[in-house]
């Protein structure tokens, strides 16, 4: 009989700054503790949309991009501090990219063993209109993925 031992040494955890996204953290803590895994907290700063209408052009506001990246880094560092206080090994990374692509590319670059994230639980028109990051990652990734569904009524 074959026995497979799962080893999750590198966990990738995309967070968007919301309490809903943090619903994944108890699961992350448990797995990281059990496997002595390194956690990478990932923040994504989506590029601003460029609107070009002749003869007007609206350039990207680089100061706004930098501000958003700094806010993401500050937020992730606060989460990192909470987790390292629990004797977990945590790294922080902020990338500028569309969200789904950023998660997949970071997982590939870092050779992540498991991506752990929350689905915000949108259904119906909201899901069609906004898309689903979790569904995009699920369909585009070639590695294990843990998705926890987080609904608004589950929040404190």
Protein backbone atom coordinates (compact mmCIF):
# COMPACT_ATOMS: atom_id res chain seq x y z
CA UNK A 1 0.00 0.00 0.00
CA UNK A 2 1.23 3.49 -0.88
CA UNK A 3 1.48 6.05 1.80
CA UNK A 4 1.78 9.70 0.89
CA UNK A 5 3.10 12.18 3.39
CA UNK A 6 2.04 15.73 2.68
CA UNK A 7 4.66 18.30 3.50
CA UNK A 8 3.68 21.91 3.41
CA UNK A 9 6.83 23.92 4.05
CA UNK A 10 5.89 27.09 2.14
CA UNK A 11 2.45 28.61 2.61
CA UNK A 12 1.28 31.55 0.51
CA UNK A 13 -1.48 33.65 2.07
CA UNK A 14 -2.92 36.49 -0.03
CA UNK A 15 -4.56 39.15 2.15
CA UNK A 16 -6.46 42.23 1.03
CA UNK A 17 -6.62 44.08 4.35
CA UNK A 18 -10.15 43.01 5.19
CA UNK A 19 -11.36 41.17 8.29
CA UNK A 20 -13.03 38.71 5.93
CA UNK A 21 -9.70 37.73 4.38
CA UNK A 22 -8.24 37.14 7.84
CA UNK A 23 -10.71 34.29 8.43
CA UNK A 24 -7.99 32.08 6.89
CA UNK A 25 -5.42 32.94 9.57
CA UNK A 26 -6.38 30.32 12.21
CA UNK A 27 -6.02 27.65 9.51
CA UNK A 28 -2.68 29.12 8.46
CA UNK A 29 -1.45 29.17 12.04
CA UNK A 30 -2.43 25.54 12.58
CA UNK A 31 -0.78 24.23 9.43
CA UNK A 32 2.34 26.37 9.82
CA UNK A 33 2.74 25.17 13.38
CA UNK A 34 2.17 21.52 12.48
CA UNK A 35 4.57 21.52 9.52
CA UNK A 36 7.02 24.16 10.78
CA UNK A 37 6.24 25.96 7.55
CA UNK A 38 7.21 29.42 6.40
CA UNK A 39 4.25 31.70 5.77
CA UNK A 40 4.42 34.31 3.03
CA UNK A 41 1.81 37.02 3.44
CA UNK A 42 1.06 38.49 0.02
CA UNK A 43 -0.37 41.89 -0.72
CA UNK A 44 -1.37 42.82 -4.25
CA UNK A 45 -1.48 46.39 -5.49
CA UNK A 46 -3.41 46.36 -8.72
CA UNK A 47 -2.10 48.70 -11.41
CA UNK A 48 -4.26 51.73 -11.96
CA UNK A 49 -6.35 51.76 -15.06
CA UNK A 50 -5.01 54.05 -17.73
CA UNK A 51 -7.63 56.00 -19.61
CA UNK A 52 -6.52 57.41 -22.91
CA UNK A 53 -8.90 59.51 -24.92
CA UNK A 54 -7.47 61.63 -27.68
CA UNK A 55 -6.34 64.31 -27.13
CA UNK A 56 -6.55 63.80 -23.32
CA UNK A 57 -4.42 61.28 -21.48
CA UNK A 58 -4.70 60.33 -17.82
CA UNK A 59 -1.31 59.08 -16.67
CA UNK A 60 -0.80 56.66 -13.81
CA UNK A 61 -0.48 58.44 -10.48
CA UNK A 62 2.82 56.97 -9.28
CA UNK A 63 2.50 58.59 -5.86
CA UNK A 64 -0.86 56.89 -5.37
CA UNK A 65 0.63 53.52 -6.39
CA UNK A 66 3.49 54.01 -3.93
CA UNK A 67 1.07 55.04 -1.17
CA UNK A 68 -1.08 51.94 -1.77
CA UNK A 69 2.01 49.69 -1.76
CA UNK A 70 3.18 51.25 1.52
CA UNK A 71 -0.27 50.78 3.08
CA UNK A 72 -0.27 47.12 2.01
CA UNK A 73 3.22 46.62 3.45
CA UNK A 74 2.25 48.27 6.75
CA UNK A 75 -0.86 46.11 7.03
CA UNK A 76 1.00 42.89 6.22
CA UNK A 77 3.75 43.78 8.68
CA UNK A 78 1.15 44.15 11.44
CA UNK A 79 -0.22 40.68 10.61
CA UNK A 80 3.36 39.36 10.46
CA UNK A 81 4.01 40.72 13.95
CA UNK A 82 0.92 38.98 15.34
CA UNK A 83 1.99 35.67 13.79
CA UNK A 84 5.67 35.87 14.74
CA UNK A 85 4.52 36.50 18.34
CA UNK A 86 3.13 32.94 18.09
CA UNK A 87 6.60 31.64 17.10
CA UNK A 88 5.74 31.29 13.41
CA UNK A 89 8.12 32.12 10.57
CA UNK A 90 6.54 34.81 8.42
CA UNK A 91 7.67 36.72 5.36
CA UNK A 92 5.90 39.63 3.70
CA UNK A 93 5.68 40.40 0.01
CA UNK A 94 3.86 43.14 -1.90
CA UNK A 95 3.59 42.94 -5.68
CA UNK A 96 2.06 45.20 -8.30
CA UNK A 97 -0.08 43.05 -10.54
CA UNK A 98 -3.64 42.06 -11.34
CA UNK A 99 -4.74 40.02 -8.31
CA UNK A 100 -5.15 36.53 -9.80
CA UNK A 101 -1.98 36.74 -11.86
CA UNK A 102 -0.03 38.09 -8.88
CA UNK A 103 -1.04 35.20 -6.67
CA UNK A 104 -0.26 32.56 -9.30
CA UNK A 105 3.07 34.13 -10.31
CA UNK A 106 4.19 34.53 -6.70
CA UNK A 107 3.27 30.92 -5.91
CA UNK A 108 5.29 29.76 -8.91
CA UNK A 109 8.30 32.00 -8.20
CA UNK A 110 8.42 31.01 -4.53
CA UNK A 111 7.68 27.32 -5.23
CA UNK A 112 4.81 27.51 -2.76
CA UNK A 113 3.54 24.19 -1.43
CA UNK A 114 0.05 25.44 -0.54
CA UNK A 115 -1.92 28.58 -1.29
CA UNK A 116 -4.35 29.43 1.51
CA UNK A 117 -7.02 32.03 0.86
CA UNK A 118 -10.56 33.11 1.47
CA UNK A 119 -13.41 33.27 -0.98
CA UNK A 120 -15.54 36.29 -0.12
CA UNK A 121 -18.68 34.33 -0.86
CA UNK A 122 -20.12 36.50 -3.60
CA UNK A 123 -22.89 34.91 -5.57
CA UNK A 124 -25.16 35.83 -8.44
CA UNK A 125 -24.60 39.14 -10.17
CA UNK A 126 -21.94 40.28 -7.72
CA UNK A 127 -19.78 37.30 -8.67
CA UNK A 128 -20.37 37.88 -12.38
CA UNK A 129 -19.68 41.61 -12.12
CA UNK A 130 -16.65 41.48 -9.82
CA UNK A 131 -15.34 38.09 -10.88
CA UNK A 132 -13.96 35.68 -8.39
CA UNK A 133 -10.34 35.79 -7.34
CA UNK A 134 -10.64 32.36 -5.74
CA UNK A 135 -12.12 30.87 -8.93
CA UNK A 136 -9.42 32.53 -11.04
CA UNK A 137 -6.66 31.14 -8.87
CA UNK A 138 -8.30 27.71 -8.76
CA UNK A 139 -8.43 27.53 -12.55
CA UNK A 140 -4.96 28.93 -13.10
CA UNK A 141 -2.80 27.34 -10.46
CA UNK A 142 -0.89 24.06 -10.62
CA UNK A 143 -0.43 23.48 -6.92
CA UNK A 144 -2.57 22.72 -3.86
CA UNK A 145 -5.05 25.38 -2.85
CA UNK A 146 -7.08 25.71 0.34
CA UNK A 147 -10.08 28.01 0.05
CA UNK A 148 -12.19 28.94 3.06
CA UNK A 149 -15.49 30.65 2.33
CA UNK A 150 -16.04 33.81 4.33
CA UNK A 151 -19.48 35.34 4.48
CA UNK A 152 -20.33 38.76 5.85
CA UNK A 153 -22.64 37.31 8.51
CA UNK A 154 -19.75 35.20 9.81
CA UNK A 155 -17.84 38.34 10.80
CA UNK A 156 -17.94 39.72 14.31
